[in-house]
Amino acid sequence: MSLEDVIKDLDSKRDFLPMHSIKQFTAQIFNGLKNMHELGIAHRDLKPENILLKDKEIKICDVGSSKILDRSDAHMNTPYVVSRYYRAPELILACNKYDFSIDVWAVGCILFELITKTPMFPGDAEGI
C-alpha cells in the first residue's frame, strides 16, 4: 500500500497516524533520499502515492522522473516536475536551475499531510 492509501484509510476512519509512525516513516524517506542524493540522483516526483509501505518499511518508488543532477547542465533541467501539491517554490516559478532541495521540500509537504491528512498546498491550477 502507498502512503496515499494510508492517509485515505485513516481519513475514512476519522483516525490519525501515531506520531511515532510519522517519525519512523519520515526518517526512512530521508534515508532513502540521502542514498539517492549521494549518487547525484534527484527523485523529482515525491508524493504519498510514490512511497510504498509494507510491514512498517518504506520504499520510494516511481523513479521515472528521476534525473542525475549535474551543475554543469543545470540550464537543461525542466521546471515541470513534481506533482502540484509537492512542488517547491523554485519550480512553481519555472526556474530550471534547482538542486536536491526540491525533494526535501516535497518530503516536508508529505510530512504535513501525514499529520493533518490534507495537502499543505492544495490547488487545481498550475503556477501561482
N, C-alpha and C. Protein backbone atom coordinates (compact mmCIF):
# COMPACT_ATOMS: atom_id res chain seq x y z
N MET A 1 0.85 -1.18 0.00
CA MET A 1 0.00 0.00 0.00
C MET A 1 0.89 1.23 0.00
N SER A 2 0.38 2.32 -0.51
CA SER A 2 1.14 3.57 -0.54
C SER A 2 0.77 4.44 0.66
N LEU A 3 1.56 5.46 0.89
CA LEU A 3 1.21 6.40 1.97
C LEU A 3 -0.09 7.11 1.66
N GLU A 4 -0.39 7.29 0.38
CA GLU A 4 -1.67 7.89 0.00
C GLU A 4 -2.82 7.00 0.47
N ASP A 5 -2.67 5.70 0.30
CA ASP A 5 -3.70 4.76 0.77
C ASP A 5 -3.85 4.83 2.28
N VAL A 6 -2.73 4.92 2.98
CA VAL A 6 -2.75 5.02 4.45
C VAL A 6 -3.52 6.27 4.87
N ILE A 7 -3.21 7.40 4.23
CA ILE A 7 -3.86 8.67 4.58
C ILE A 7 -5.36 8.58 4.32
N LYS A 8 -5.75 8.06 3.16
CA LYS A 8 -7.18 7.94 2.84
C LYS A 8 -7.90 7.01 3.81
N ASP A 9 -7.25 5.91 4.17
CA ASP A 9 -7.84 4.96 5.10
C ASP A 9 -8.05 5.60 6.48
N LEU A 10 -7.03 6.30 6.95
CA LEU A 10 -7.15 6.98 8.24
C LEU A 10 -8.25 8.03 8.21
N ASP A 11 -8.33 8.77 7.10
CA ASP A 11 -9.34 9.82 6.99
C ASP A 11 -10.74 9.21 7.00
N SER A 12 -10.93 8.09 6.32
CA SER A 12 -12.25 7.46 6.30
C SER A 12 -12.67 6.95 7.67
N LYS A 13 -11.66 6.59 8.48
CA LYS A 13 -11.93 6.11 9.83
C LYS A 13 -11.93 7.25 10.86
N ARG A 14 -11.67 8.46 10.39
CA ARG A 14 -11.55 9.62 11.28
C ARG A 14 -10.50 9.38 12.36
N ASP A 15 -9.39 8.81 11.92
CA ASP A 15 -8.29 8.47 12.81
C ASP A 15 -7.03 9.18 12.32
N PHE A 16 -6.00 9.20 13.15
CA PHE A 16 -4.73 9.83 12.79
C PHE A 16 -3.60 8.82 12.95
N LEU A 17 -2.55 9.03 12.17
CA LEU A 17 -1.36 8.21 12.27
C LEU A 17 -0.62 8.56 13.55
N PRO A 18 -0.21 7.57 14.33
CA PRO A 18 0.53 7.87 15.57
C PRO A 18 1.84 8.61 15.25
N MET A 19 2.23 9.54 16.11
CA MET A 19 3.41 10.35 15.87
C MET A 19 4.67 9.51 15.72
N HIS A 20 4.79 8.42 16.47
CA HIS A 20 5.99 7.59 16.33
C HIS A 20 6.07 6.97 14.93
N SER A 21 4.93 6.64 14.34
CA SER A 21 4.92 6.11 12.97
C SER A 21 5.30 7.20 11.96
N ILE A 22 4.79 8.39 12.18
CA ILE A 22 5.14 9.52 11.30
C ILE A 22 6.64 9.77 11.34
N LYS A 23 7.21 9.77 12.53
CA LYS A 23 8.66 9.98 12.67
C LYS A 23 9.44 8.86 11.99
N GLN A 24 9.00 7.64 12.18
CA GLN A 24 9.68 6.48 11.59
C GLN A 24 9.61 6.54 10.06
N PHE A 25 8.45 6.84 9.52
CA PHE A 25 8.28 6.90 8.06
C PHE A 25 9.12 8.04 7.47
N THR A 26 9.07 9.20 8.12
CA THR A 26 9.83 10.35 7.63
C THR A 26 11.33 10.07 7.64
N ALA A 27 11.82 9.45 8.70
CA ALA A 27 13.25 9.11 8.78
C ALA A 27 13.63 8.15 7.66
N GLN A 28 12.77 7.18 7.38
CA GLN A 28 13.06 6.22 6.31
C GLN A 28 13.06 6.90 4.94
N ILE A 29 12.13 7.82 4.73
CA ILE A 29 12.09 8.55 3.46
C ILE A 29 13.38 9.35 3.30
N PHE A 30 13.79 10.05 4.36
CA PHE A 30 15.02 10.84 4.28
C PHE A 30 16.25 9.95 4.08
N ASN A 31 16.28 8.78 4.69
CA ASN A 31 17.40 7.86 4.48
C ASN A 31 17.46 7.39 3.03
N GLY A 32 16.31 7.08 2.46
CA GLY A 32 16.26 6.69 1.06
C GLY A 32 16.71 7.81 0.14
N LEU A 33 16.24 9.03 0.44
CA LEU A 33 16.65 10.19 -0.36
C LEU A 33 18.14 10.47 -0.22
N LYS A 34 18.66 10.29 0.98
CA LYS A 34 20.10 10.50 1.20
C LYS A 34 20.89 9.60 0.28
N ASN A 35 20.48 8.35 0.18
CA ASN A 35 21.18 7.41 -0.71
C ASN A 35 21.08 7.85 -2.16
N MET A 36 19.90 8.28 -2.58
CA MET A 36 19.74 8.75 -3.96
C MET A 36 20.58 9.99 -4.22
N HIS A 37 20.51 10.94 -3.29
CA HIS A 37 21.22 12.21 -3.48
C HIS A 37 22.73 12.01 -3.47
N GLU A 38 23.22 11.08 -2.66
CA GLU A 38 24.66 10.80 -2.66
C GLU A 38 25.12 10.25 -4.01
N LEU A 39 24.22 9.63 -4.75
CA LEU A 39 24.53 9.14 -6.09
C LEU A 39 24.31 10.23 -7.15
N GLY A 40 23.88 11.41 -6.69
CA GLY A 40 23.64 12.52 -7.61
C GLY A 40 22.27 12.50 -8.26
N ILE A 41 21.37 11.66 -7.73
CA ILE A 41 20.05 11.48 -8.33
C ILE A 41 18.99 12.24 -7.53
N ALA A 42 18.22 13.05 -8.23
CA ALA A 42 17.06 13.71 -7.64
C ALA A 42 15.82 12.93 -8.07
N HIS A 43 14.91 12.65 -7.15
CA HIS A 43 13.71 11.88 -7.47
C HIS A 43 12.78 12.70 -8.36
N ARG A 44 12.50 13.92 -7.98
CA ARG A 44 11.71 14.90 -8.73
C ARG A 44 10.23 14.60 -8.84
N ASP A 45 9.70 13.62 -8.10
CA ASP A 45 8.25 13.40 -8.09
C ASP A 45 7.82 12.70 -6.81
N LEU A 46 8.34 13.17 -5.68
CA LEU A 46 7.94 12.59 -4.40
C LEU A 46 6.54 13.03 -4.04
N LYS A 47 5.72 12.07 -3.66
CA LYS A 47 4.36 12.31 -3.19
C LYS A 47 3.91 11.04 -2.48
N PRO A 48 2.90 11.11 -1.64
CA PRO A 48 2.47 9.92 -0.89
C PRO A 48 2.19 8.71 -1.78
N GLU A 49 1.69 8.95 -2.96
CA GLU A 49 1.38 7.87 -3.90
C GLU A 49 2.64 7.10 -4.33
N ASN A 50 3.80 7.77 -4.31
CA ASN A 50 5.05 7.17 -4.76
C ASN A 50 5.91 6.65 -3.61
N ILE A 51 5.31 6.52 -2.45
CA ILE A 51 6.02 5.96 -1.30
C ILE A 51 5.21 4.77 -0.81
N LEU A 52 5.82 3.61 -0.94
CA LEU A 52 5.14 2.37 -0.58
C LEU A 52 5.48 1.95 0.84
N LEU A 53 4.53 1.28 1.47
CA LEU A 53 4.68 0.84 2.85
C LEU A 53 4.29 -0.62 2.96
N LYS A 54 5.20 -1.41 3.52
CA LYS A 54 4.89 -2.82 3.80
C LYS A 54 5.59 -3.19 5.09
N ASP A 55 4.82 -3.66 6.05
CA ASP A 55 5.36 -4.06 7.35
C ASP A 55 6.21 -2.95 7.98
N LYS A 56 5.69 -1.73 7.92
CA LYS A 56 6.34 -0.54 8.50
C LYS A 56 7.69 -0.21 7.86
N GLU A 57 7.90 -0.72 6.64
CA GLU A 57 9.12 -0.41 5.90
C GLU A 57 8.75 0.40 4.66
N ILE A 58 9.42 1.52 4.49
CA ILE A 58 9.15 2.45 3.41
C ILE A 58 10.02 2.12 2.20
N LYS A 59 9.43 2.23 1.02
CA LYS A 59 10.15 2.09 -0.24
C LYS A 59 9.76 3.28 -1.12
N ILE A 60 10.75 3.98 -1.63
CA ILE A 60 10.50 5.07 -2.57
C ILE A 60 10.40 4.45 -3.96
N CYS A 61 9.31 4.74 -4.67
CA CYS A 61 9.12 4.13 -5.98
C CYS A 61 8.87 5.20 -7.04
N ASP A 62 8.56 4.76 -8.24
CA ASP A 62 8.29 5.59 -9.41
C ASP A 62 9.41 6.60 -9.64
N VAL A 63 10.50 6.08 -10.12
CA VAL A 63 11.68 6.92 -10.39
C VAL A 63 11.72 7.36 -11.85
N GLY A 64 10.59 7.33 -12.51
CA GLY A 64 10.52 7.72 -13.91
C GLY A 64 10.88 9.16 -14.18
N SER A 65 10.71 10.04 -13.22
CA SER A 65 11.07 11.45 -13.38
C SER A 65 12.44 11.76 -12.80
N SER A 66 13.08 10.76 -12.22
CA SER A 66 14.39 10.98 -11.59
C SER A 66 15.42 11.39 -12.61
N LYS A 67 16.42 12.13 -12.12
CA LYS A 67 17.47 12.61 -13.01
C LYS A 67 18.75 12.79 -12.21
N ILE A 68 19.87 12.50 -12.85
CA ILE A 68 21.16 12.83 -12.25
C ILE A 68 21.33 14.33 -12.43
N LEU A 69 21.42 15.04 -11.33
CA LEU A 69 21.60 16.48 -11.39
C LEU A 69 23.09 16.79 -11.46
N ASP A 70 23.45 17.50 -12.49
CA ASP A 70 24.83 17.90 -12.71
C ASP A 70 24.85 19.41 -12.84
N ARG A 71 25.63 20.06 -12.02
CA ARG A 71 25.66 21.53 -12.03
C ARG A 71 26.04 22.09 -13.41
N SER A 72 26.79 21.33 -14.19
CA SER A 72 27.21 21.84 -15.50
C SER A 72 26.05 21.90 -16.49
N ASP A 73 24.99 21.12 -16.26
CA ASP A 73 23.86 21.16 -17.20
C ASP A 73 22.58 21.65 -16.52
N ALA A 74 22.74 22.49 -15.49
CA ALA A 74 21.58 22.98 -14.74
C ALA A 74 20.60 23.74 -15.64
N HIS A 75 21.09 24.34 -16.70
CA HIS A 75 20.21 25.07 -17.60
C HIS A 75 19.29 24.13 -18.40
N MET A 76 19.56 22.84 -18.34
CA MET A 76 18.78 21.87 -19.11
C MET A 76 17.67 21.23 -18.28
N ASN A 77 17.55 21.58 -17.02
CA ASN A 77 16.52 20.99 -16.16
C ASN A 77 15.17 21.60 -16.48
N THR A 78 14.17 20.75 -16.53
CA THR A 78 12.82 21.25 -16.74
C THR A 78 12.20 21.58 -15.38
N PRO A 79 11.52 22.72 -15.29
CA PRO A 79 10.86 23.06 -14.01
C PRO A 79 9.54 22.31 -13.83
N TYR A 80 9.05 21.65 -14.89
CA TYR A 80 7.78 20.95 -14.78
C TYR A 80 8.01 19.52 -14.30
N VAL A 81 8.33 19.41 -13.02
CA VAL A 81 8.48 18.13 -12.35
C VAL A 81 7.77 18.24 -11.01
N VAL A 82 7.59 17.16 -10.36
CA VAL A 82 6.94 17.08 -9.05
C VAL A 82 5.45 17.41 -9.18
N SER A 83 4.64 16.59 -8.60
CA SER A 83 3.20 16.82 -8.61
C SER A 83 2.87 18.13 -7.90
N ARG A 84 1.85 18.77 -8.38
CA ARG A 84 1.50 20.13 -7.99
C ARG A 84 1.53 20.39 -6.48
N TYR A 85 0.94 19.53 -5.68
CA TYR A 85 0.86 19.79 -4.24
C TYR A 85 2.22 19.76 -3.55
N TYR A 86 3.21 19.15 -4.18
CA TYR A 86 4.50 18.93 -3.54
C TYR A 86 5.63 19.68 -4.24
N ARG A 87 5.27 20.60 -5.11
CA ARG A 87 6.24 21.33 -5.94
C ARG A 87 6.86 22.48 -5.15
N ALA A 88 8.19 22.53 -5.17
CA ALA A 88 8.94 23.58 -4.47
C ALA A 88 8.73 24.94 -5.15
N PRO A 89 8.91 26.03 -4.39
CA PRO A 89 8.68 27.37 -4.95
C PRO A 89 9.49 27.65 -6.22
N GLU A 90 10.74 27.20 -6.27
CA GLU A 90 11.54 27.48 -7.46
C GLU A 90 10.97 26.80 -8.71
N LEU A 91 10.28 25.68 -8.52
CA LEU A 91 9.65 25.00 -9.65
C LEU A 91 8.36 25.71 -10.06
N ILE A 92 7.64 26.20 -9.08
CA ILE A 92 6.42 26.97 -9.37
C ILE A 92 6.77 28.21 -10.17
N LEU A 93 7.93 28.79 -9.86
CA LEU A 93 8.39 29.99 -10.56
C LEU A 93 9.14 29.65 -11.85
N ALA A 94 9.09 28.39 -12.26
CA ALA A 94 9.65 27.91 -13.53
C ALA A 94 11.17 28.08 -13.63
N CYS A 95 11.86 27.97 -12.52
CA CYS A 95 13.33 28.01 -12.55
C CYS A 95 13.84 26.68 -13.08
N ASN A 96 14.82 26.74 -13.96
CA ASN A 96 15.39 25.49 -14.45
C ASN A 96 16.72 25.18 -13.78
N LYS A 97 17.10 26.00 -12.83
CA LYS A 97 18.30 25.73 -12.01
C LYS A 97 17.82 25.39 -10.61
N TYR A 98 17.87 24.14 -10.27
CA TYR A 98 17.46 23.69 -8.95
C TYR A 98 18.34 22.55 -8.52
N ASP A 99 18.20 22.17 -7.25
CA ASP A 99 19.04 21.10 -6.72
C ASP A 99 18.19 20.10 -5.95
N PHE A 100 18.83 19.31 -5.12
CA PHE A 100 18.13 18.26 -4.38
C PHE A 100 17.12 18.79 -3.37
N SER A 101 17.19 20.07 -3.08
CA SER A 101 16.25 20.64 -2.11
C SER A 101 14.80 20.52 -2.58
N ILE A 102 14.57 20.33 -3.87
CA ILE A 102 13.19 20.15 -4.32
C ILE A 102 12.59 18.87 -3.75
N ASP A 103 13.42 17.85 -3.56
CA ASP A 103 12.95 16.61 -2.93
C ASP A 103 12.69 16.81 -1.44
N VAL A 104 13.53 17.59 -0.80
CA VAL A 104 13.37 17.86 0.63
C VAL A 104 12.08 18.64 0.86
N TRP A 105 11.80 19.62 -0.01
CA TRP A 105 10.54 20.37 0.08
C TRP A 105 9.35 19.42 0.00
N ALA A 106 9.40 18.49 -0.95
CA ALA A 106 8.30 17.54 -1.13
C ALA A 106 8.10 16.69 0.12
N VAL A 107 9.19 16.28 0.77
CA VAL A 107 9.07 15.48 2.00
C VAL A 107 8.40 16.32 3.09
N GLY A 108 8.73 17.59 3.16
CA GLY A 108 8.06 18.46 4.14
C GLY A 108 6.56 18.52 3.90
N CYS A 109 6.16 18.61 2.64
CA CYS A 109 4.73 18.62 2.29
C CYS A 109 4.08 17.28 2.64
N ILE A 110 4.80 16.20 2.41
CA ILE A 110 4.29 14.86 2.75
C ILE A 110 4.14 14.72 4.26
N LEU A 111 5.12 15.21 5.00
CA LEU A 111 5.06 15.16 6.47
C LEU A 111 3.82 15.90 6.97
N PHE A 112 3.57 17.09 6.43
CA PHE A 112 2.38 17.84 6.82
C PHE A 112 1.12 17.02 6.54
N GLU A 113 1.09 16.36 5.38
CA GLU A 113 -0.09 15.58 5.01
C GLU A 113 -0.26 14.34 5.89
N LEU A 114 0.85 13.74 6.31
CA LEU A 114 0.76 12.60 7.23
C LEU A 114 0.16 13.03 8.57
N ILE A 115 0.48 14.23 8.99
CA ILE A 115 -0.02 14.72 10.29
C ILE A 115 -1.47 15.16 10.20
N THR A 116 -1.81 15.91 9.14
CA THR A 116 -3.14 16.53 9.05
C THR A 116 -4.14 15.79 8.17
N LYS A 117 -3.64 14.86 7.33
CA LYS A 117 -4.44 14.12 6.36
C LYS A 117 -4.99 15.02 5.25
N THR A 118 -4.37 16.16 5.06
CA THR A 118 -4.77 17.08 3.99
C THR A 118 -3.51 17.69 3.38
N PRO A 119 -3.49 17.96 2.09
CA PRO A 119 -2.30 18.56 1.48
C PRO A 119 -2.03 19.96 2.05
N MET A 120 -0.77 20.31 2.13
CA MET A 120 -0.38 21.62 2.63
C MET A 120 -0.76 22.72 1.64
N PHE A 121 -0.57 22.45 0.35
CA PHE A 121 -0.84 23.44 -0.68
C PHE A 121 -1.75 22.86 -1.76
N PRO A 122 -3.02 22.61 -1.42
CA PRO A 122 -3.91 22.07 -2.44
C PRO A 122 -4.22 23.13 -3.50
N GLY A 123 -4.49 22.69 -4.67
CA GLY A 123 -4.85 23.63 -5.73
C GLY A 123 -5.22 22.86 -6.98
N ASP A 124 -5.81 23.57 -7.92
CA ASP A 124 -6.20 22.91 -9.16
C ASP A 124 -5.69 23.66 -10.39
N ALA A 125 -4.74 24.56 -10.17
CA ALA A 125 -4.17 25.31 -11.28
C ALA A 125 -2.65 25.28 -11.20
N GLU A 126 -1.99 25.41 -12.34
CA GLU A 126 -0.54 25.45 -12.38
C GLU A 126 -0.06 26.83 -11.95
N GLY A 127 1.17 26.88 -11.48
CA GLY A 127 1.79 28.15 -11.15
C GLY A 127 1.23 28.78 -9.90
N ILE A 128 1.36 30.06 -9.84
CA ILE A 128 0.97 30.84 -8.64
C ILE A 128 -0.47 31.26 -8.73
